Structure formats: C-alpha cells, structure tokens
Amino acid sequence: MAETRGRAHSRRMRRRFFSNLYQQLRVLWPIFSAILIVMAGCGIVIGRIEGWRLDEALYFTFVTGLTIGYGDITPKHLSARLLALVIGFSGIVLTGLVAAVSVHALNATNRDDASER
C-alpha cells in the first residue's frame, strides 16, 4: 500500500516538474531561439570564411557551443576565430539558461508539494 502511494506521489511530482518546466520554456523560448539563431548564423559565416561544407560548419558550431572543442576542425582566419568566441560564449549562456530553468522548475515543484501537505 505504501509503495503504491509512493509511486503515485512520484508520478505526480514528475508531472508537476514537467508542467513547471514547460511553463518556463514558454516564457524563455524567444531567448533560447535567439541564442540558437546567433550560434547557427555565426557557424554558417565561419563555414563560408573557412570554405567548409554546411554540415562541417554546423558540427563545429555544435561542438564549440557545448564547449566540447574536439579540435578536429579549427578556424584559421582571425575573423572566424572571433566568431567562434561568440559561439562559445553563447553556448555558455544557453547552458546557464537551461540550468536556471530546470532549477526554477524543481523549486516550483517543491513549493507545490510543500503547500499541498
């Protein structure tokens, strides 16, 4: 009986979390979209400067934006390197926003649960 109640509570908490997360994402979606557009745009421009194919430019953008930086593709021109910095900083901001939204959703879920008890 207690195990069934625990599972039901977990499902309710999970539903609340995703509901709160969805609400936060609806508010911040324009910011997320703008950051992703800036990152992709910079990556495409870097690809044009360096003579890369589109898939290579987007791969570079993804790897740089997540601050992984494998080093298999690197820009050689100064202007491309400066744009790579923009991608890197944008990726850091995007990661921070995702973390902040997730923490806010967890806190809202916790508040909802505490007020219910």
Protein backbone atom coordinates (compact mmCIF):
# COMPACT_ATOMS: atom_id res chain seq x y z
CA MET A 1 0.00 0.00 0.00
CA ALA A 2 2.75 2.46 0.97
CA GLU A 3 4.75 1.52 -2.14
CA THR A 4 1.74 2.28 -4.37
CA ARG A 5 1.29 5.63 -2.63
CA GLY A 6 4.99 6.39 -3.16
CA ARG A 7 4.76 5.62 -6.87
CA ALA A 8 1.69 7.79 -7.24
CA HIS A 9 3.48 10.61 -5.43
CA SER A 10 6.50 10.22 -7.74
CA ARG A 11 4.28 10.35 -10.82
CA ARG A 12 2.52 13.47 -9.51
CA MET A 13 5.85 15.16 -8.79
CA ARG A 14 7.20 14.25 -12.22
CA ARG A 15 4.06 15.64 -13.88
CA ARG A 16 4.33 18.86 -11.87
CA PHE A 17 8.00 19.22 -12.73
CA PHE A 18 7.40 18.87 -16.46
CA SER A 19 4.43 21.21 -16.25
CA ASN A 20 6.55 23.84 -14.47
CA LEU A 21 9.41 23.26 -16.93
CA TYR A 22 7.04 23.73 -19.87
CA GLN A 23 5.73 26.98 -18.39
CA GLN A 24 9.27 28.32 -18.00
CA LEU A 25 10.25 27.28 -21.52
CA ARG A 26 7.20 29.02 -22.98
CA VAL A 27 8.34 32.26 -21.37
CA LEU A 28 12.02 31.93 -22.32
CA TRP A 29 11.60 30.34 -25.75
CA PRO A 30 12.26 33.62 -27.63
CA ILE A 31 15.58 33.99 -25.79
CA PHE A 32 16.57 30.37 -26.47
CA SER A 33 15.62 30.79 -30.13
CA ALA A 34 17.62 33.99 -30.50
CA ILE A 35 20.73 32.43 -28.96
CA LEU A 36 20.45 29.36 -31.20
CA ILE A 37 19.97 31.55 -34.29
CA VAL A 38 23.03 33.64 -33.39
CA MET A 39 25.08 30.49 -32.87
CA ALA A 40 23.96 28.86 -36.13
CA GLY A 41 24.43 32.12 -38.04
CA CYS A 42 27.95 32.56 -36.73
CA GLY A 43 28.72 28.94 -37.56
CA ILE A 44 27.50 29.33 -41.13
CA VAL A 45 29.53 32.52 -41.57
CA ILE A 46 32.61 30.74 -40.18
CA GLY A 47 31.99 27.92 -42.63
CA ARG A 48 31.87 30.38 -45.52
CA ILE A 49 35.08 32.11 -44.38
CA GLU A 50 36.93 28.81 -43.93
CA GLY A 51 35.48 27.09 -47.01
CA TRP A 52 33.75 24.33 -45.02
CA ARG A 53 30.66 22.42 -46.07
CA LEU A 54 27.42 23.26 -44.24
CA ASP A 55 27.49 20.06 -42.19
CA GLU A 56 31.05 20.81 -41.05
CA ALA A 57 30.10 24.36 -40.08
CA LEU A 58 27.08 23.18 -38.06
CA TYR A 59 29.14 20.41 -36.47
CA PHE A 60 31.76 22.98 -35.47
CA THR A 61 29.00 25.21 -34.06
CA PHE A 62 27.53 22.37 -32.02
CA VAL A 63 30.89 21.23 -30.63
CA THR A 64 32.01 24.78 -29.85
CA GLY A 65 28.65 25.87 -28.41
CA LEU A 66 28.65 22.95 -25.99
CA THR A 67 32.25 23.91 -25.12
CA ILE A 68 33.44 20.41 -26.02
CA GLY A 69 36.06 21.56 -28.52
CA TYR A 70 37.45 18.36 -30.04
CA GLY A 71 39.90 20.34 -32.16
CA ASP A 72 39.34 18.28 -35.30
CA ILE A 73 38.01 21.36 -37.13
CA THR A 74 39.52 24.71 -36.24
CA PRO A 75 39.16 28.14 -37.84
CA LYS A 76 42.34 29.60 -39.30
CA HIS A 77 41.23 33.18 -40.03
CA LEU A 78 41.08 35.83 -37.31
CA SER A 79 37.51 36.84 -38.12
CA ALA A 80 36.37 33.21 -37.92
CA ARG A 81 38.12 32.79 -34.58
CA LEU A 82 36.36 35.86 -33.20
CA LEU A 83 33.02 34.46 -34.35
CA ALA A 84 33.95 31.17 -32.67
CA LEU A 85 34.30 33.13 -29.43
CA VAL A 86 30.75 34.42 -29.92
CA ILE A 87 29.56 30.83 -30.38
CA GLY A 88 31.40 29.71 -27.24
CA PHE A 89 30.03 32.50 -25.06
CA SER A 90 26.54 31.96 -26.47
CA GLY A 91 26.81 28.28 -25.60
CA ILE A 92 27.78 29.14 -22.03
CA VAL A 93 24.79 31.48 -21.73
CA LEU A 94 22.48 28.85 -23.24
CA THR A 95 23.74 26.19 -20.82
CA GLY A 96 23.23 28.57 -17.88
CA LEU A 97 19.68 29.34 -19.00
CA VAL A 98 18.83 25.66 -19.30
CA ALA A 99 20.21 25.02 -15.82
CA ALA A 100 18.36 28.03 -14.36
CA VAL A 101 15.06 26.99 -15.93
CA SER A 102 15.46 23.44 -14.63
CA VAL A 103 16.28 24.61 -11.11
CA HIS A 104 13.34 27.01 -11.14
CA ALA A 105 11.01 24.19 -12.24
CA LEU A 106 12.37 21.96 -9.45
CA ASN A 107 11.85 24.71 -6.87
CA ALA A 108 8.31 25.37 -8.09
CA THR A 109 7.55 21.65 -7.91
CA ASN A 110 8.92 21.50 -4.38
CA ARG A 111 6.83 24.54 -3.36
CA ASP A 112 3.72 22.96 -4.86
CA ASP A 113 4.37 19.74 -2.95
CA ALA A 114 5.03 21.59 0.33
CA SER A 115 1.84 23.65 0.03
CA GLU A 116 -0.17 20.50 -0.65
CA ARG A 117 0.92 18.82 2.58
